[in-house]
Amino acid sequence: MFLHLPVSAWVAVAAVVTVGHVAVMRWCMPTRKGKRSVSFIPLVLGVAMVGSSGTKGVSFPAALYLYSAVLLLLVVMIAPVRKSVAADILRQEQNPDVKVELNGVAMTWITVSLLAGLLAVVGVWASQI
C-alpha cells in the first residue's frame, strides 16, 4: 500500500483535504469570481489525477496522495500571503486594462513554498518506489 495506508484511508484523507482546501481558498479570495474559480480546482484536479490513475500506471492510493498533496500545497502557497494576493486580485478585477504589479514578498513566498513543497512531494513519492 502506498505510504502504508489502505485505499479507504486515502479516500478519507482526500475528502478532508478537499473540504479544507475549498474552505481556505474561498476565504482567501476577495471576489465572487475568485471564490467560484477556486471552488472548481478540486474537481478539475480530481478528474486529471485520479481519473487517469489507471491509464498512467499510477495506483489509486498514489493518485489520491498526489491529489491531496497538490491541494495542500496550493493552500500553503496562498493562505499566508492572502491579504496581499487578495488585494492584487481585487485591483486587477476592478481595472482589467491595467497590469497590476504583484507584491514582491508574496511572490517570493509563493515561489519558495512551491519549490519546497514540490521537493517534499517528490521526495515522499520517490521513497515509495
N, C-alpha and C. Protein backbone atom coordinates (compact mmCIF):
# COMPACT_ATOMS: atom_id res chain seq x y z
N MET A 1 0.84 -1.20 0.00
CA MET A 1 0.00 0.00 0.00
C MET A 1 0.88 1.26 0.00
N PHE A 2 0.44 2.23 -0.74
CA PHE A 2 1.17 3.48 -0.83
C PHE A 2 1.17 4.19 0.52
N LEU A 3 2.34 4.50 1.01
CA LEU A 3 2.52 5.14 2.33
C LEU A 3 1.83 4.36 3.44
N HIS A 4 1.68 3.07 3.26
CA HIS A 4 1.18 2.15 4.30
C HIS A 4 -0.24 2.46 4.76
N LEU A 5 -1.03 3.10 3.94
CA LEU A 5 -2.42 3.36 4.28
C LEU A 5 -3.32 2.61 3.30
N PRO A 6 -4.43 2.08 3.80
CA PRO A 6 -5.37 1.44 2.87
C PRO A 6 -6.08 2.48 2.00
N VAL A 7 -6.68 2.02 0.93
CA VAL A 7 -7.36 2.91 -0.01
C VAL A 7 -8.43 3.72 0.71
N SER A 8 -9.17 3.10 1.61
CA SER A 8 -10.24 3.82 2.32
C SER A 8 -9.68 4.99 3.13
N ALA A 9 -8.49 4.82 3.68
CA ALA A 9 -7.87 5.92 4.43
C ALA A 9 -7.49 7.06 3.49
N TRP A 10 -6.96 6.73 2.31
CA TRP A 10 -6.61 7.78 1.35
C TRP A 10 -7.84 8.49 0.82
N VAL A 11 -8.93 7.77 0.66
CA VAL A 11 -10.18 8.42 0.25
C VAL A 11 -10.62 9.41 1.33
N ALA A 12 -10.53 9.00 2.59
CA ALA A 12 -10.90 9.90 3.70
C ALA A 12 -9.97 11.11 3.75
N VAL A 13 -8.67 10.89 3.59
CA VAL A 13 -7.71 12.00 3.58
C VAL A 13 -8.04 12.97 2.45
N ALA A 14 -8.28 12.44 1.27
CA ALA A 14 -8.60 13.29 0.11
C ALA A 14 -9.89 14.07 0.34
N ALA A 15 -10.88 13.45 0.96
CA ALA A 15 -12.15 14.14 1.24
C ALA A 15 -11.94 15.29 2.22
N VAL A 16 -11.20 15.05 3.28
CA VAL A 16 -10.94 16.09 4.28
C VAL A 16 -10.11 17.22 3.67
N VAL A 17 -9.09 16.86 2.91
CA VAL A 17 -8.25 17.87 2.27
C VAL A 17 -9.06 18.70 1.28
N THR A 18 -9.96 18.07 0.55
CA THR A 18 -10.80 18.79 -0.41
C THR A 18 -11.66 19.83 0.28
N VAL A 19 -12.33 19.43 1.35
CA VAL A 19 -13.18 20.37 2.10
C VAL A 19 -12.33 21.50 2.67
N GLY A 20 -11.20 21.16 3.27
CA GLY A 20 -10.32 22.18 3.83
C GLY A 20 -9.78 23.12 2.77
N HIS A 21 -9.39 22.57 1.64
CA HIS A 21 -8.87 23.39 0.54
C HIS A 21 -9.91 24.39 0.06
N VAL A 22 -11.11 23.92 -0.20
CA VAL A 22 -12.17 24.81 -0.70
C VAL A 22 -12.47 25.90 0.34
N ALA A 23 -12.56 25.52 1.60
CA ALA A 23 -12.87 26.50 2.65
C ALA A 23 -11.78 27.57 2.75
N VAL A 24 -10.53 27.15 2.80
CA VAL A 24 -9.43 28.12 2.96
C VAL A 24 -9.25 28.97 1.70
N MET A 25 -9.31 28.35 0.54
CA MET A 25 -9.10 29.11 -0.69
C MET A 25 -10.24 30.10 -0.94
N ARG A 26 -11.47 29.72 -0.60
CA ARG A 26 -12.59 30.68 -0.74
C ARG A 26 -12.41 31.83 0.24
N TRP A 27 -11.89 31.54 1.43
CA TRP A 27 -11.62 32.58 2.43
C TRP A 27 -10.55 33.54 1.92
N CYS A 28 -9.61 33.04 1.13
CA CYS A 28 -8.51 33.87 0.62
C CYS A 28 -8.92 34.77 -0.54
N MET A 29 -9.96 34.40 -1.25
CA MET A 29 -10.34 35.15 -2.46
C MET A 29 -11.26 36.32 -2.11
N PRO A 30 -11.00 37.50 -2.68
CA PRO A 30 -11.76 38.70 -2.32
C PRO A 30 -13.07 38.89 -3.10
N THR A 31 -13.24 38.18 -4.21
CA THR A 31 -14.41 38.43 -5.05
C THR A 31 -15.19 37.13 -5.30
N ARG A 32 -16.43 37.30 -5.74
CA ARG A 32 -17.25 36.13 -6.06
C ARG A 32 -16.62 35.30 -7.18
N LYS A 33 -16.10 35.99 -8.16
CA LYS A 33 -15.46 35.31 -9.29
C LYS A 33 -14.29 34.45 -8.79
N GLY A 34 -13.47 35.00 -7.91
CA GLY A 34 -12.35 34.26 -7.36
C GLY A 34 -12.79 33.08 -6.52
N LYS A 35 -13.81 33.30 -5.70
CA LYS A 35 -14.34 32.21 -4.87
C LYS A 35 -14.88 31.08 -5.73
N ARG A 36 -15.58 31.44 -6.79
CA ARG A 36 -16.15 30.44 -7.69
C ARG A 36 -15.03 29.68 -8.41
N SER A 37 -14.02 30.40 -8.84
CA SER A 37 -12.91 29.77 -9.57
C SER A 37 -12.18 28.74 -8.72
N VAL A 38 -11.86 29.09 -7.48
CA VAL A 38 -11.11 28.15 -6.64
C VAL A 38 -11.96 26.97 -6.20
N SER A 39 -13.27 27.11 -6.27
CA SER A 39 -14.14 26.00 -5.90
C SER A 39 -14.06 24.85 -6.89
N PHE A 40 -13.65 25.13 -8.12
CA PHE A 40 -13.58 24.10 -9.15
C PHE A 40 -12.22 23.41 -9.23
N ILE A 41 -11.23 23.91 -8.52
CA ILE A 41 -9.89 23.31 -8.57
C ILE A 41 -9.92 21.83 -8.18
N PRO A 42 -10.56 21.44 -7.07
CA PRO A 42 -10.56 20.02 -6.72
C PRO A 42 -11.22 19.13 -7.77
N LEU A 43 -12.27 19.62 -8.40
CA LEU A 43 -12.94 18.83 -9.43
C LEU A 43 -12.02 18.60 -10.63
N VAL A 44 -11.43 19.65 -11.12
CA VAL A 44 -10.53 19.54 -12.27
C VAL A 44 -9.32 18.68 -11.93
N LEU A 45 -8.73 18.92 -10.77
CA LEU A 45 -7.56 18.15 -10.34
C LEU A 45 -7.92 16.69 -10.13
N GLY A 46 -9.08 16.45 -9.53
CA GLY A 46 -9.52 15.07 -9.30
C GLY A 46 -9.70 14.30 -10.58
N VAL A 47 -10.34 14.92 -11.55
CA VAL A 47 -10.53 14.26 -12.84
C VAL A 47 -9.18 13.99 -13.50
N ALA A 48 -8.29 14.97 -13.44
CA ALA A 48 -6.99 14.83 -14.10
C ALA A 48 -6.11 13.78 -13.43
N MET A 49 -6.04 13.79 -12.11
CA MET A 49 -5.10 12.90 -11.41
C MET A 49 -5.70 11.54 -11.11
N VAL A 50 -6.84 11.54 -10.45
CA VAL A 50 -7.43 10.27 -10.02
C VAL A 50 -8.04 9.56 -11.22
N GLY A 51 -8.65 10.33 -12.12
CA GLY A 51 -9.27 9.72 -13.28
C GLY A 51 -8.29 9.03 -14.21
N SER A 52 -7.08 9.54 -14.28
CA SER A 52 -6.08 8.94 -15.17
C SER A 52 -5.15 7.98 -14.44
N SER A 53 -5.43 7.68 -13.18
CA SER A 53 -4.51 6.85 -12.41
C SER A 53 -4.36 5.45 -13.00
N GLY A 54 -5.42 4.87 -13.50
CA GLY A 54 -5.32 3.53 -14.07
C GLY A 54 -4.61 3.50 -15.40
N THR A 55 -4.72 4.55 -16.17
CA THR A 55 -4.13 4.55 -17.51
C THR A 55 -2.65 4.90 -17.50
N LYS A 56 -2.18 5.58 -16.49
CA LYS A 56 -0.78 6.03 -16.45
C LYS A 56 0.11 5.10 -15.63
N GLY A 57 -0.44 4.02 -15.11
CA GLY A 57 0.35 3.11 -14.30
C GLY A 57 0.55 3.59 -12.88
N VAL A 58 -0.25 4.56 -12.46
CA VAL A 58 -0.18 5.08 -11.10
C VAL A 58 -1.32 4.45 -10.30
N SER A 59 -1.01 3.93 -9.13
CA SER A 59 -2.05 3.29 -8.33
C SER A 59 -3.04 4.33 -7.81
N PHE A 60 -4.23 3.87 -7.47
CA PHE A 60 -5.26 4.77 -6.96
C PHE A 60 -4.82 5.47 -5.66
N PRO A 61 -4.23 4.75 -4.68
CA PRO A 61 -3.74 5.45 -3.48
C PRO A 61 -2.66 6.49 -3.80
N ALA A 62 -1.79 6.19 -4.74
CA ALA A 62 -0.75 7.15 -5.12
C ALA A 62 -1.37 8.38 -5.76
N ALA A 63 -2.39 8.19 -6.59
CA ALA A 63 -3.09 9.32 -7.20
C ALA A 63 -3.78 10.16 -6.14
N LEU A 64 -4.37 9.51 -5.14
CA LEU A 64 -5.01 10.26 -4.06
C LEU A 64 -3.99 11.03 -3.24
N TYR A 65 -2.80 10.44 -3.03
CA TYR A 65 -1.72 11.15 -2.35
C TYR A 65 -1.35 12.41 -3.13
N LEU A 66 -1.12 12.27 -4.43
CA LEU A 66 -0.75 13.41 -5.25
C LEU A 66 -1.84 14.48 -5.26
N TYR A 67 -3.08 14.05 -5.38
CA TYR A 67 -4.23 14.97 -5.35
C TYR A 67 -4.23 15.77 -4.05
N SER A 68 -4.13 15.06 -2.92
CA SER A 68 -4.14 15.71 -1.61
C SER A 68 -2.94 16.63 -1.43
N ALA A 69 -1.78 16.17 -1.86
CA ALA A 69 -0.57 16.98 -1.72
C ALA A 69 -0.65 18.27 -2.52
N VAL A 70 -1.16 18.20 -3.74
CA VAL A 70 -1.27 19.40 -4.57
C VAL A 70 -2.26 20.38 -3.96
N LEU A 71 -3.40 19.90 -3.48
CA LEU A 71 -4.37 20.80 -2.85
C LEU A 71 -3.78 21.46 -1.61
N LEU A 72 -3.08 20.69 -0.79
CA LEU A 72 -2.44 21.27 0.40
C LEU A 72 -1.36 22.27 0.01
N LEU A 73 -0.61 21.96 -1.03
CA LEU A 73 0.44 22.86 -1.48
C LEU A 73 -0.14 24.20 -1.93
N LEU A 74 -1.26 24.18 -2.62
CA LEU A 74 -1.90 25.43 -3.04
C LEU A 74 -2.30 26.27 -1.83
N VAL A 75 -2.80 25.63 -0.80
CA VAL A 75 -3.19 26.35 0.43
C VAL A 75 -1.95 26.94 1.10
N VAL A 76 -0.88 26.16 1.20
CA VAL A 76 0.35 26.64 1.83
C VAL A 76 0.94 27.81 1.04
N MET A 77 0.79 27.79 -0.26
CA MET A 77 1.32 28.87 -1.10
C MET A 77 0.53 30.17 -0.94
N ILE A 78 -0.79 30.08 -0.80
CA ILE A 78 -1.64 31.27 -0.85
C ILE A 78 -2.06 31.80 0.53
N ALA A 79 -2.43 30.92 1.44
CA ALA A 79 -3.01 31.37 2.71
C ALA A 79 -2.12 32.33 3.51
N PRO A 80 -0.82 32.08 3.64
CA PRO A 80 0.00 33.01 4.44
C PRO A 80 0.11 34.41 3.85
N VAL A 81 -0.08 34.55 2.55
CA VAL A 81 0.04 35.87 1.91
C VAL A 81 -1.30 36.29 1.31
N ARG A 82 -2.38 35.81 1.88
CA ARG A 82 -3.71 36.02 1.30
C ARG A 82 -4.09 37.49 1.19
N LYS A 83 -3.69 38.31 2.15
CA LYS A 83 -4.09 39.72 2.10
C LYS A 83 -3.49 40.43 0.89
N SER A 84 -2.22 40.22 0.66
CA SER A 84 -1.60 40.89 -0.50
C SER A 84 -2.07 40.27 -1.81
N VAL A 85 -2.26 38.95 -1.84
CA VAL A 85 -2.78 38.30 -3.05
C VAL A 85 -4.20 38.78 -3.33
N ALA A 86 -5.01 38.85 -2.28
CA ALA A 86 -6.40 39.31 -2.45
C ALA A 86 -6.44 40.75 -2.95
N ALA A 87 -5.56 41.59 -2.42
CA ALA A 87 -5.52 42.99 -2.86
C ALA A 87 -5.13 43.07 -4.34
N ASP A 88 -4.16 42.26 -4.75
CA ASP A 88 -3.75 42.25 -6.16
C ASP A 88 -4.88 41.75 -7.06
N ILE A 89 -5.56 40.71 -6.64
CA ILE A 89 -6.68 40.17 -7.42
C ILE A 89 -7.79 41.19 -7.53
N LEU A 90 -8.12 41.83 -6.42
CA LEU A 90 -9.19 42.83 -6.42
C LEU A 90 -8.83 44.00 -7.33
N ARG A 91 -7.60 44.48 -7.23
CA ARG A 91 -7.15 45.58 -8.09
C ARG A 91 -7.24 45.20 -9.57
N GLN A 92 -6.84 43.99 -9.89
CA GLN A 92 -6.86 43.53 -11.29
C GLN A 92 -8.30 43.38 -11.80
N GLU A 93 -9.18 42.86 -10.97
CA GLU A 93 -10.58 42.70 -11.40
C GLU A 93 -11.30 44.03 -11.53
N GLN A 94 -10.93 45.00 -10.69
CA GLN A 94 -11.57 46.31 -10.77
C GLN A 94 -11.10 47.09 -11.99
N ASN A 95 -9.86 46.85 -12.41
CA ASN A 95 -9.32 47.57 -13.55
C ASN A 95 -8.54 46.60 -14.44
N PRO A 96 -9.24 45.80 -15.24
CA PRO A 96 -8.57 44.76 -16.02
C PRO A 96 -7.63 45.27 -17.12
N ASP A 97 -7.74 46.54 -17.48
CA ASP A 97 -6.89 47.09 -18.54
C ASP A 97 -5.49 47.46 -18.06
N VAL A 98 -5.32 47.57 -16.74
CA VAL A 98 -4.04 47.97 -16.17
C VAL A 98 -3.36 46.73 -15.58
N LYS A 99 -2.07 46.55 -15.91
CA LYS A 99 -1.33 45.43 -15.35
C LYS A 99 -0.95 45.75 -13.91
N VAL A 100 -1.36 44.88 -13.00
CA VAL A 100 -1.08 45.08 -11.58
C VAL A 100 0.29 44.50 -11.27
N GLU A 101 1.13 45.31 -10.61
CA GLU A 101 2.43 44.83 -10.15
C GLU A 101 2.19 43.95 -8.92
N LEU A 102 2.67 42.73 -8.98
CA LEU A 102 2.45 41.80 -7.88
C LEU A 102 3.36 42.12 -6.71
N ASN A 103 2.86 41.86 -5.52
CA ASN A 103 3.60 42.09 -4.29
C ASN A 103 4.85 41.20 -4.28
N GLY A 104 6.01 41.81 -4.06
CA GLY A 104 7.28 41.08 -4.09
C GLY A 104 7.41 40.02 -3.01
N VAL A 105 6.98 40.35 -1.80
CA VAL A 105 7.07 39.40 -0.69
C VAL A 105 6.16 38.21 -0.97
N ALA A 106 4.95 38.49 -1.44
CA ALA A 106 4.00 37.41 -1.73
C ALA A 106 4.54 36.50 -2.84
N MET A 107 5.08 37.10 -3.89
CA MET A 107 5.61 36.29 -4.99
C MET A 107 6.81 35.46 -4.55
N THR A 108 7.64 36.02 -3.68
CA THR A 108 8.77 35.26 -3.16
C THR A 108 8.27 34.08 -2.34
N TRP A 109 7.30 34.32 -1.46
CA TRP A 109 6.74 33.24 -0.64
C TRP A 109 6.12 32.16 -1.52
N ILE A 110 5.34 32.56 -2.50
CA ILE A 110 4.67 31.59 -3.37
C ILE A 110 5.71 30.75 -4.12
N THR A 111 6.75 31.38 -4.62
CA THR A 111 7.79 30.67 -5.37
C THR A 111 8.56 29.71 -4.48
N VAL A 112 9.01 30.20 -3.33
CA VAL A 112 9.80 29.36 -2.42
C VAL A 112 8.96 28.21 -1.87
N SER A 113 7.72 28.49 -1.47
CA SER A 113 6.88 27.43 -0.93
C SER A 113 6.51 26.41 -2.01
N LEU A 114 6.34 26.86 -3.24
CA LEU A 114 6.07 25.93 -4.34
C LEU A 114 7.25 24.99 -4.54
N LEU A 115 8.45 25.55 -4.61
CA LEU A 115 9.64 24.71 -4.81
C LEU A 115 9.85 23.75 -3.65
N ALA A 116 9.73 24.25 -2.42
CA ALA A 116 9.91 23.38 -1.25
C ALA A 116 8.83 22.30 -1.21
N GLY A 117 7.61 22.68 -1.50
CA GLY A 117 6.51 21.71 -1.50
C GLY A 117 6.68 20.65 -2.56
N LEU A 118 7.08 21.06 -3.75
CA LEU A 118 7.30 20.07 -4.81
C LEU A 118 8.43 19.12 -4.46
N LEU A 119 9.50 19.65 -3.85
CA LEU A 119 10.59 18.77 -3.41
C LEU A 119 10.10 17.76 -2.38
N ALA A 120 9.27 18.21 -1.45
CA ALA A 120 8.74 17.31 -0.42
C ALA A 120 7.83 16.25 -1.04
N VAL A 121 6.94 16.66 -1.92
CA VAL A 121 6.01 15.72 -2.56
C VAL A 121 6.78 14.69 -3.38
N VAL A 122 7.74 15.15 -4.17
CA VAL A 122 8.54 14.24 -4.99
C VAL A 122 9.41 13.34 -4.11
N GLY A 123 9.94 13.89 -3.02
CA GLY A 123 10.74 13.08 -2.10
C GLY A 123 9.95 11.95 -1.48
N VAL A 124 8.76 12.24 -1.03
CA VAL A 124 7.90 11.19 -0.47
C VAL A 124 7.54 10.18 -1.55
N TRP A 125 7.19 10.68 -2.72
CA TRP A 125 6.85 9.80 -3.84
C TRP A 125 8.02 8.87 -4.17
N ALA A 126 9.22 9.44 -4.27
CA ALA A 126 10.40 8.65 -4.62
C ALA A 126 10.73 7.61 -3.56
N SER A 127 10.44 7.91 -2.31
CA SER A 127 10.73 6.95 -1.24
C SER A 127 9.82 5.73 -1.31
N GLN A 128 8.74 5.82 -2.06
CA GLN A 128 7.80 4.71 -2.17
C GLN A 128 8.06 3.82 -3.38
N ILE A 129 8.96 4.27 -4.25
CA ILE A 129 9.22 3.49 -5.47
C ILE A 129 10.14 2.33 -5.18
